[in-house]
Amino acid sequence: MGRVAGKVAIVTGAASGIGRSCAELLAQEGATVVITDIQEAMGRECADVITAAGNHAQFLSHDVTSEQDWINVIEQTVREHDGLQILVNNAGIGIAGSIVEMSLENWQRQQAINLDGVFLGVKHAIPAMRNSGSGSIINMSSVAGLKGAANLSAYNATKGGVRLFTKGVALECAESRWPIRVNSVHPGIIDTPIWTKVNPEFFSEGENAVDVEAMAELGVPTGKVGYPRDIANGVLFLASDEASYITGTELVIDGGISA
């Protein structure tokens, strides 16, 4: 216990799924966690659960595509909690479909949330982390940022962008001697609500949802689906001082898919 004690963390998209698990685990390990999301009711409920367990959390409404929202969230975090040492850029969406049929609107929306949101978080977190004396930025990519997939090319573009953006920023921080580490995490098939949002038309009343366990049995070498806590465990490690010599790399948590 206490692997991130005394640290202040922001976790985006933390109302559910991987983000929520990251927020809960960081709080259990001693961090004060600022939960951000556009899903306000679920975000507040997450913060309430964490505080009811005796840990420290706060919810802030946050659209990661808005630069002003980022400025407000980071300023409020630093003002109320005396610093910022951890940022988990987790918020993201997936829109599947043939590239010849995808609308420019859906392409741009996915880019805005998955890539612009990460850029804005990094841009505004680094100065706060420098002032706080240290920092760890963890950007959520995907195995889709390591290998292509038919009908996921737009998503591939965003997650591949997150991977290389992470490396470039990590080198800038290192060469500038800023005490900030920057890494990416690459989940495989994880049982989260995102599967009901990739193609919402598949989930109308009377139609079957994706069977994530069956998908994992077919597509994952271990035959097993992953869970949000599997990713949160990796995020906790990268956020902690145990990973003090790790920057500019990717942590792949995928049951062997990318192997």
C-alpha atoms as a PDB file:
ATOM      1  CA  MET A   1       0.000   0.000   0.000  1.00  0.00           C
ATOM      2  CA  GLY A   2       0.996   3.615  -0.438  1.00  0.00           C
ATOM      3  CA  ARG A   3       2.843   3.246  -3.739  1.00  0.00           C
ATOM      4  CA  VAL A   4       1.722   6.742  -4.835  1.00  0.00           C
ATOM      5  CA  ALA A   5       1.119   8.238  -1.400  1.00  0.00           C
ATOM      6  CA  GLY A   6       1.208  12.014  -1.326  1.00  0.00           C
ATOM      7  CA  LYS A   7       0.820  12.382  -5.089  1.00  0.00           C
ATOM      8  CA  VAL A   8      -1.985  14.191  -6.914  1.00  0.00           C
ATOM      9  CA  ALA A   9      -3.426  12.553 -10.026  1.00  0.00           C
ATOM     10  CA  ILE A  10      -5.812  13.532 -12.799  1.00  0.00           C
ATOM     11  CA  VAL A  11      -7.523  10.665 -14.629  1.00  0.00           C
ATOM     12  CA  THR A  12      -9.611  11.548 -17.678  1.00  0.00           C
ATOM     13  CA  GLY A  13     -12.550   9.470 -18.819  1.00  0.00           C
ATOM     14  CA  ALA A  14     -12.674   8.052 -15.305  1.00  0.00           C
ATOM     15  CA  ALA A  15     -16.432   7.629 -14.937  1.00  0.00           C
ATOM     16  CA  SER A  16     -16.290   4.024 -16.121  1.00  0.00           C
ATOM     17  CA  GLY A  17     -14.133   1.245 -17.514  1.00  0.00           C
ATOM     18  CA  ILE A  18     -10.351   1.488 -17.492  1.00  0.00           C
ATOM     19  CA  GLY A  19     -10.357   5.092 -16.285  1.00  0.00           C
ATOM     20  CA  ARG A  20     -12.480   4.286 -13.267  1.00  0.00           C
ATOM     21  CA  SER A  21     -10.314   1.317 -12.334  1.00  0.00           C
ATOM     22  CA  CYS A  22      -7.199   3.496 -12.606  1.00  0.00           C
ATOM     23  CA  ALA A  23      -8.758   6.165 -10.399  1.00  0.00           C
ATOM     24  CA  GLU A  24      -9.838   3.636  -7.765  1.00  0.00           C
ATOM     25  CA  LEU A  25      -6.449   1.913  -7.634  1.00  0.00           C
ATOM     26  CA  LEU A  26      -4.422   5.132  -7.519  1.00  0.00           C
ATOM     27  CA  ALA A  27      -6.628   6.340  -4.655  1.00  0.00           C
ATOM     28  CA  GLN A  28      -6.250   3.031  -2.809  1.00  0.00           C
ATOM     29  CA  GLU A  29      -2.493   3.436  -3.113  1.00  0.00           C
ATOM     30  CA  GLY A  30      -2.524   6.878  -1.519  1.00  0.00           C
ATOM     31  CA  ALA A  31      -2.993   9.407  -4.305  1.00  0.00           C
ATOM     32  CA  THR A  32      -5.504  12.227  -4.278  1.00  0.00           C
ATOM     33  CA  VAL A  33      -7.385  11.597  -7.526  1.00  0.00           C
ATOM     34  CA  VAL A  34      -9.219  14.148  -9.633  1.00  0.00           C
ATOM     35  CA  ILE A  35     -11.740  12.232 -11.742  1.00  0.00           C
ATOM     36  CA  THR A  36     -12.748  13.961 -14.970  1.00  0.00           C
ATOM     37  CA  ASP A  37     -15.365  13.025 -17.538  1.00  0.00           C
ATOM     38  CA  ILE A  38     -18.311  14.391 -19.521  1.00  0.00           C
ATOM     39  CA  GLN A  39     -20.528  11.771 -17.833  1.00  0.00           C
ATOM     40  CA  GLU A  40     -21.191  13.801 -14.727  1.00  0.00           C
ATOM     41  CA  ALA A  41     -23.521  11.495 -12.784  1.00  0.00           C
ATOM     42  CA  MET A  42     -21.234   8.485 -13.219  1.00  0.00           C
ATOM     43  CA  GLY A  43     -18.144  10.557 -12.463  1.00  0.00           C
ATOM     44  CA  ARG A  44     -19.589  11.893  -9.224  1.00  0.00           C
ATOM     45  CA  GLU A  45     -20.661   8.390  -8.215  1.00  0.00           C
ATOM     46  CA  CYS A  46     -17.101   7.147  -8.796  1.00  0.00           C
ATOM     47  CA  ALA A  47     -15.699   9.904  -6.589  1.00  0.00           C
ATOM     48  CA  ASP A  48     -18.290   9.139  -3.911  1.00  0.00           C
ATOM     49  CA  VAL A  49     -17.338   5.449  -3.873  1.00  0.00           C
ATOM     50  CA  ILE A  50     -13.669   6.314  -3.484  1.00  0.00           C
ATOM     51  CA  THR A  51     -14.233   8.788  -0.663  1.00  0.00           C
ATOM     52  CA  ALA A  52     -16.640   6.405   1.101  1.00  0.00           C
ATOM     53  CA  ALA A  53     -13.784   3.914   1.217  1.00  0.00           C
ATOM     54  CA  GLY A  54     -11.692   6.469   3.106  1.00  0.00           C
ATOM     55  CA  ASN A  55      -9.598   7.629   0.160  1.00  0.00           C
ATOM     56  CA  HIS A  56      -9.353  11.002  -1.573  1.00  0.00           C
ATOM     57  CA  ALA A  57     -11.157  11.895  -4.795  1.00  0.00           C
ATOM     58  CA  GLN A  58     -12.884  14.786  -6.488  1.00  0.00           C
ATOM     59  CA  PHE A  59     -14.951  14.943  -9.674  1.00  0.00           C
ATOM     60  CA  LEU A  60     -14.660  17.696 -12.272  1.00  0.00           C
ATOM     61  CA  SER A  61     -16.704  17.937 -15.450  1.00  0.00           C
ATOM     62  CA  HIS A  62     -14.278  17.955 -18.347  1.00  0.00           C
ATOM     63  CA  ASP A  63     -14.441  17.848 -22.145  1.00  0.00           C
ATOM     64  CA  VAL A  64     -10.917  16.814 -23.161  1.00  0.00           C
ATOM     65  CA  THR A  65     -11.301  18.486 -26.568  1.00  0.00           C
ATOM     66  CA  SER A  66     -11.655  21.903 -24.896  1.00  0.00           C
ATOM     67  CA  GLU A  67      -8.414  23.722 -24.140  1.00  0.00           C
ATOM     68  CA  GLN A  68     -10.197  25.993 -21.681  1.00  0.00           C
ATOM     69  CA  ASP A  69     -11.535  22.963 -19.819  1.00  0.00           C
ATOM     70  CA  TRP A  70      -7.971  21.636 -19.513  1.00  0.00           C
ATOM     71  CA  ILE A  71      -6.738  24.970 -18.200  1.00  0.00           C
ATOM     72  CA  ASN A  72      -9.562  25.075 -15.653  1.00  0.00           C
ATOM     73  CA  VAL A  73      -9.122  21.469 -14.489  1.00  0.00           C
ATOM     74  CA  ILE A  74      -5.381  21.754 -13.975  1.00  0.00           C
ATOM     75  CA  GLU A  75      -5.575  25.172 -12.318  1.00  0.00           C
ATOM     76  CA  GLN A  76      -8.267  23.951  -9.918  1.00  0.00           C
ATOM     77  CA  THR A  77      -6.347  20.750  -9.174  1.00  0.00           C
ATOM     78  CA  VAL A  78      -3.145  22.626  -8.349  1.00  0.00           C
ATOM     79  CA  ARG A  79      -4.982  25.278  -6.344  1.00  0.00           C
ATOM     80  CA  GLU A  80      -6.982  22.839  -4.218  1.00  0.00           C
ATOM     81  CA  HIS A  81      -4.447  20.022  -3.867  1.00  0.00           C
ATOM     82  CA  ASP A  82      -1.114  21.866  -3.969  1.00  0.00           C
ATOM     83  CA  GLY A  83       0.331  20.296  -7.075  1.00  0.00           C
ATOM     84  CA  LEU A  84       0.091  17.689  -9.822  1.00  0.00           C
ATOM     85  CA  GLN A  85       2.332  14.635 -10.179  1.00  0.00           C
ATOM     86  CA  ILE A  86       0.308  12.123 -12.245  1.00  0.00           C
ATOM     87  CA  LEU A  87      -1.766  12.492 -15.406  1.00  0.00           C
ATOM     88  CA  VAL A  88      -3.571   9.525 -16.952  1.00  0.00           C
ATOM     89  CA  ASN A  89      -4.802  10.578 -20.398  1.00  0.00           C
ATOM     90  CA  ASN A  90      -7.416   7.854 -20.665  1.00  0.00           C
ATOM     91  CA  ALA A  91     -10.465   9.443 -22.312  1.00  0.00           C
ATOM     92  CA  GLY A  92     -11.114   8.002 -25.749  1.00  0.00           C
ATOM     93  CA  ILE A  93     -13.659   6.669 -28.204  1.00  0.00           C
ATOM     94  CA  GLY A  94     -13.686   4.070 -30.981  1.00  0.00           C
ATOM     95  CA  ILE A  95     -15.563   4.487 -34.249  1.00  0.00           C
ATOM     96  CA  ALA A  96     -15.296   1.524 -36.596  1.00  0.00           C
ATOM     97  CA  GLY A  97     -16.263   1.233 -40.229  1.00  0.00           C
ATOM     98  CA  SER A  98     -14.920   1.218 -43.755  1.00  0.00           C
ATOM     99  CA  ILE A  99     -12.652   4.175 -44.453  1.00  0.00           C
ATOM    100  CA  VAL A 100     -14.499   4.850 -47.734  1.00  0.00           C
ATOM    101  CA  GLU A 101     -17.758   5.224 -45.839  1.00  0.00           C
ATOM    102  CA  MET A 102     -16.545   7.085 -42.756  1.00  0.00           C
ATOM    103  CA  SER A 103     -17.692  10.680 -42.537  1.00  0.00           C
ATOM    104  CA  LEU A 104     -15.196  13.472 -42.085  1.00  0.00           C
ATOM    105  CA  GLU A 105     -17.174  14.421 -38.971  1.00  0.00           C
ATOM    106  CA  ASN A 106     -16.552  11.010 -37.350  1.00  0.00           C
ATOM    107  CA  TRP A 107     -12.891  11.051 -38.390  1.00  0.00           C
ATOM    108  CA  GLN A 108     -12.396  14.486 -36.833  1.00  0.00           C
ATOM    109  CA  ARG A 109     -14.390  13.646 -33.681  1.00  0.00           C
ATOM    110  CA  GLN A 110     -12.233  10.595 -33.027  1.00  0.00           C
ATOM    111  CA  GLN A 111      -9.047  12.578 -33.654  1.00  0.00           C
ATOM    112  CA  ALA A 112     -10.249  15.371 -31.361  1.00  0.00           C
ATOM    113  CA  ILE A 113     -10.934  13.117 -28.377  1.00  0.00           C
ATOM    114  CA  ASN A 114      -8.221  10.488 -28.779  1.00  0.00           C
ATOM    115  CA  LEU A 115      -5.325  12.650 -29.977  1.00  0.00           C
ATOM    116  CA  ASP A 116      -6.093  16.348 -29.465  1.00  0.00           C
ATOM    117  CA  GLY A 117      -7.225  15.573 -25.910  1.00  0.00           C
ATOM    118  CA  VAL A 118      -3.897  13.890 -25.151  1.00  0.00           C
ATOM    119  CA  PHE A 119      -1.966  16.808 -26.665  1.00  0.00           C
ATOM    120  CA  LEU A 120      -3.870  19.352 -24.583  1.00  0.00           C
ATOM    121  CA  GLY A 121      -3.423  17.363 -21.379  1.00  0.00           C
ATOM    122  CA  VAL A 122       0.314  17.019 -21.890  1.00  0.00           C
ATOM    123  CA  LYS A 123       0.710  20.672 -22.912  1.00  0.00           C
ATOM    124  CA  HIS A 124      -0.926  21.991 -19.762  1.00  0.00           C
ATOM    125  CA  ALA A 125       0.197  19.317 -17.288  1.00  0.00           C
ATOM    126  CA  ILE A 126       3.936  19.673 -17.903  1.00  0.00           C
ATOM    127  CA  PRO A 127       4.262  23.204 -16.449  1.00  0.00           C
ATOM    128  CA  ALA A 128       2.233  22.164 -13.386  1.00  0.00           C
ATOM    129  CA  MET A 129       4.396  19.072 -12.917  1.00  0.00           C
ATOM    130  CA  ARG A 130       7.613  21.057 -13.272  1.00  0.00           C
ATOM    131  CA  ASN A 131       6.369  23.369 -10.538  1.00  0.00           C
ATOM    132  CA  SER A 132       5.447  20.333  -8.416  1.00  0.00           C
ATOM    133  CA  GLY A 133       8.946  18.890  -8.717  1.00  0.00           C
ATOM    134  CA  SER A 134       8.171  15.700 -10.654  1.00  0.00           C
ATOM    135  CA  GLY A 135       5.603  14.013 -12.832  1.00  0.00           C
ATOM    136  CA  SER A 136       4.482  10.885 -14.624  1.00  0.00           C
ATOM    137  CA  ILE A 137       2.262  11.161 -17.696  1.00  0.00           C
ATOM    138  CA  ILE A 138       0.572   7.976 -18.874  1.00  0.00           C
ATOM    139  CA  ASN A 139      -1.140   8.156 -22.269  1.00  0.00           C
ATOM    140  CA  MET A 140      -3.652   5.434 -23.073  1.00  0.00           C
ATOM    141  CA  SER A 141      -3.010   4.018 -26.523  1.00  0.00           C
ATOM    142  CA  SER A 142      -3.994   0.506 -27.660  1.00  0.00           C
ATOM    143  CA  VAL A 143      -2.717  -2.551 -29.469  1.00  0.00           C
ATOM    144  CA  ALA A 144      -4.436  -0.736 -32.334  1.00  0.00           C
ATOM    145  CA  GLY A 145      -1.612   1.781 -32.001  1.00  0.00           C
ATOM    146  CA  LEU A 146       0.910  -0.986 -32.725  1.00  0.00           C
ATOM    147  CA  LYS A 147      -0.768  -2.947 -35.530  1.00  0.00           C
ATOM    148  CA  GLY A 148      -3.409  -2.224 -38.125  1.00  0.00           C
ATOM    149  CA  ALA A 149      -6.912  -3.647 -38.300  1.00  0.00           C
ATOM    150  CA  ALA A 150      -9.415  -3.599 -41.132  1.00  0.00           C
ATOM    151  CA  ASN A 151     -12.304  -1.205 -40.503  1.00  0.00           C
ATOM    152  CA  LEU A 152     -10.410   0.368 -37.608  1.00  0.00           C
ATOM    153  CA  SER A 153      -7.957   2.472 -39.604  1.00  0.00           C
ATOM    154  CA  ALA A 154      -9.225   5.793 -38.227  1.00  0.00           C
ATOM    155  CA  TYR A 155      -8.868   4.449 -34.686  1.00  0.00           C
ATOM    156  CA  ASN A 156      -5.433   3.061 -35.639  1.00  0.00           C
ATOM    157  CA  ALA A 157      -4.401   6.552 -36.708  1.00  0.00           C
ATOM    158  CA  THR A 158      -5.313   8.093 -33.363  1.00  0.00           C
ATOM    159  CA  LYS A 159      -3.720   5.402 -31.218  1.00  0.00           C
ATOM    160  CA  GLY A 160      -0.572   5.200 -33.335  1.00  0.00           C
ATOM    161  CA  GLY A 161      -0.357   8.963 -33.014  1.00  0.00           C
ATOM    162  CA  VAL A 162      -0.584   8.713 -29.234  1.00  0.00           C
ATOM    163  CA  ARG A 163       2.306   6.220 -29.211  1.00  0.00           C
ATOM    164  CA  LEU A 164       4.757   8.366 -31.188  1.00  0.00           C
ATOM    165  CA  PHE A 165       3.584  11.628 -29.619  1.00  0.00           C
ATOM    166  CA  THR A 166       4.399  10.063 -26.236  1.00  0.00           C
ATOM    167  CA  LYS A 167       7.938   9.214 -27.326  1.00  0.00           C
ATOM    168  CA  GLY A 168       8.596  12.694 -28.684  1.00  0.00           C
ATOM    169  CA  VAL A 169       7.368  14.405 -25.528  1.00  0.00           C
ATOM    170  CA  ALA A 170       9.334  11.969 -23.335  1.00  0.00           C
ATOM    171  CA  LEU A 171      12.537  12.927 -25.162  1.00  0.00           C
ATOM    172  CA  GLU A 172      11.756  16.635 -24.901  1.00  0.00           C
ATOM    173  CA  CYS A 173      11.261  16.301 -21.141  1.00  0.00           C
ATOM    174  CA  ALA A 174      14.408  14.193 -20.751  1.00  0.00           C
ATOM    175  CA  GLU A 175      16.657  16.431 -22.853  1.00  0.00           C
ATOM    176  CA  SER A 176      15.282  19.536 -21.150  1.00  0.00           C
ATOM    177  CA  ARG A 177      16.046  17.861 -17.789  1.00  0.00           C
ATOM    178  CA  TRP A 178      12.452  18.272 -16.707  1.00  0.00           C
ATOM    179  CA  PRO A 179      11.735  15.632 -14.030  1.00  0.00           C
ATOM    180  CA  ILE A 180       8.766  14.220 -15.934  1.00  0.00           C
ATOM    181  CA  ARG A 181       8.393  10.724 -17.373  1.00  0.00           C
ATOM    182  CA  VAL A 182       6.016  10.062 -20.276  1.00  0.00           C
ATOM    183  CA  ASN A 183       4.879   6.574 -21.322  1.00  0.00           C
ATOM    184  CA  SER A 184       2.039   4.922 -23.213  1.00  0.00           C
ATOM    185  CA  VAL A 185      -0.090   1.920 -22.280  1.00  0.00           C
ATOM    186  CA  HIS A 186      -1.492  -0.428 -24.919  1.00  0.00           C
ATOM    187  CA  PRO A 187      -4.492  -2.522 -23.820  1.00  0.00           C
ATOM    188  CA  GLY A 188      -5.736  -5.458 -25.857  1.00  0.00           C
ATOM    189  CA  ILE A 189      -9.266  -6.856 -25.636  1.00  0.00           C
ATOM    190  CA  ILE A 190     -10.519  -5.524 -22.320  1.00  0.00           C
ATOM    191  CA  ASP A 191     -14.042  -6.014 -20.996  1.00  0.00           C
ATOM    192  CA  THR A 192     -15.273  -2.404 -20.844  1.00  0.00           C
ATOM    193  CA  PRO A 193     -18.325  -0.416 -22.059  1.00  0.00           C
ATOM    194  CA  ILE A 194     -16.399   0.779 -25.163  1.00  0.00           C
ATOM    195  CA  TRP A 195     -17.568  -2.309 -27.047  1.00  0.00           C
ATOM    196  CA  THR A 196     -21.154  -1.011 -26.955  1.00  0.00           C
ATOM    197  CA  LYS A 197     -20.040   2.284 -28.501  1.00  0.00           C
ATOM    198  CA  VAL A 198     -17.756   1.295 -31.385  1.00  0.00           C
ATOM    199  CA  ASN A 199     -20.763   0.745 -33.667  1.00  0.00           C
ATOM    200  CA  PRO A 200     -23.890   1.803 -31.729  1.00  0.00           C
ATOM    201  CA  GLU A 201     -26.189   0.605 -34.534  1.00  0.00           C
ATOM    202  CA  PHE A 202     -25.277  -2.988 -33.630  1.00  0.00           C
ATOM    203  CA  PHE A 203     -26.801  -2.567 -30.171  1.00  0.00           C
ATOM    204  CA  SER A 204     -30.372  -1.593 -30.979  1.00  0.00           C
ATOM    205  CA  GLU A 205     -33.114  -3.374 -29.119  1.00  0.00           C
ATOM    206  CA  GLY A 206     -33.320  -7.057 -29.957  1.00  0.00           C
ATOM    207  CA  GLU A 207     -29.806  -7.373 -31.386  1.00  0.00           C
ATOM    208  CA  ASN A 208     -26.911  -9.079 -29.672  1.00  0.00           C
ATOM    209  CA  ALA A 209     -24.061  -7.150 -28.091  1.00  0.00           C
ATOM    210  CA  VAL A 210     -20.432  -8.108 -28.724  1.00  0.00           C
ATOM    211  CA  ASP A 211     -19.441 -11.227 -26.811  1.00  0.00           C
ATOM    212  CA  VAL A 212     -16.077  -9.995 -25.558  1.00  0.00           C
ATOM    213  CA  GLU A 213     -15.129 -13.336 -24.010  1.00  0.00           C
ATOM    214  CA  ALA A 214     -15.802 -15.147 -27.282  1.00  0.00           C
ATOM    215  CA  MET A 215     -13.812 -12.514 -29.153  1.00  0.00           C
ATOM    216  CA  ALA A 216     -10.885 -13.018 -26.769  1.00  0.00           C
ATOM    217  CA  GLU A 217     -11.067 -16.791 -27.086  1.00  0.00           C
ATOM    218  CA  LEU A 218     -10.679 -16.449 -30.844  1.00  0.00           C
ATOM    219  CA  GLY A 219      -8.241 -13.553 -31.036  1.00  0.00           C
ATOM    220  CA  VAL A 220      -6.066 -13.574 -27.923  1.00  0.00           C
ATOM    221  CA  PRO A 221      -3.226 -16.123 -27.652  1.00  0.00           C
ATOM    222  CA  THR A 222      -4.079 -16.830 -24.015  1.00  0.00           C
ATOM    223  CA  GLY A 223      -7.746 -17.187 -24.941  1.00  0.00           C
ATOM    224  CA  LYS A 224      -8.713 -14.841 -22.135  1.00  0.00           C
ATOM    225  CA  VAL A 225     -10.305 -11.406 -22.002  1.00  0.00           C
ATOM    226  CA  GLY A 226      -8.610  -8.682 -19.956  1.00  0.00           C
ATOM    227  CA  TYR A 227     -10.239  -6.539 -17.298  1.00  0.00           C
ATOM    228  CA  PRO A 228      -9.865  -2.869 -16.350  1.00  0.00           C
ATOM    229  CA  ARG A 229      -7.823  -3.745 -13.245  1.00  0.00           C
ATOM    230  CA  ASP A 230      -5.217  -5.436 -15.487  1.00  0.00           C
ATOM    231  CA  ILE A 231      -4.610  -2.080 -17.136  1.00  0.00           C
ATOM    232  CA  ALA A 232      -4.839  -0.136 -13.874  1.00  0.00           C
ATOM    233  CA  ASN A 233      -2.071  -2.283 -12.387  1.00  0.00           C
ATOM    234  CA  GLY A 234       0.229  -1.217 -15.213  1.00  0.00           C
ATOM    235  CA  VAL A 235      -0.771   2.426 -14.874  1.00  0.00           C
ATOM    236  CA  LEU A 236      -0.074   2.311 -11.135  1.00  0.00           C
ATOM    237  CA  PHE A 237       3.415   0.947 -11.784  1.00  0.00           C
ATOM    238  CA  LEU A 238       4.224   3.679 -14.316  1.00  0.00           C
ATOM    239  CA  ALA A 239       2.842   6.344 -11.966  1.00  0.00           C
ATOM    240  CA  SER A 240       4.914   5.119  -9.041  1.00  0.00           C
ATOM    241  CA  ASP A 241       8.555   5.742  -8.204  1.00  0.00           C
ATOM    242  CA  GLU A 242       9.184   2.065  -9.009  1.00  0.00           C
ATOM    243  CA  ALA A 243       9.208   3.158 -12.662  1.00  0.00           C
ATOM    244  CA  SER A 244      11.587   6.070 -12.096  1.00  0.00           C
ATOM    245  CA  TYR A 245      13.937   4.950 -14.913  1.00  0.00           C
ATOM    246  CA  ILE A 246      11.186   4.292 -17.461  1.00  0.00           C
ATOM    247  CA  THR A 247      10.272   6.957 -20.000  1.00  0.00           C
ATOM    248  CA  GLY A 248       9.436   7.084 -23.691  1.00  0.00           C
ATOM    249  CA  THR A 249       8.326   3.482 -23.924  1.00  0.00           C
ATOM    250  CA  GLU A 250       5.119   1.493 -24.220  1.00  0.00           C
ATOM    251  CA  LEU A 251       3.636  -0.970 -21.784  1.00  0.00           C
ATOM    252  CA  VAL A 252       1.658  -3.572 -23.731  1.00  0.00           C
ATOM    253  CA  ILE A 253      -1.049  -5.408 -21.774  1.00  0.00           C
ATOM    254  CA  ASP A 254      -2.783  -7.590 -24.339  1.00  0.00           C
ATOM    255  CA  GLY A 255      -2.532 -11.308 -23.545  1.00  0.00           C
ATOM    256  CA  GLY A 256       0.012 -11.712 -26.352  1.00  0.00           C
ATOM    257  CA  ILE A 257      -1.948 -10.233 -29.280  1.00  0.00           C
ATOM    258  CA  SER A 258       0.885  -8.002 -30.473  1.00  0.00           C
ATOM    259  CA  ALA A 259       3.435 -10.803 -30.144  1.00  0.00           C
END
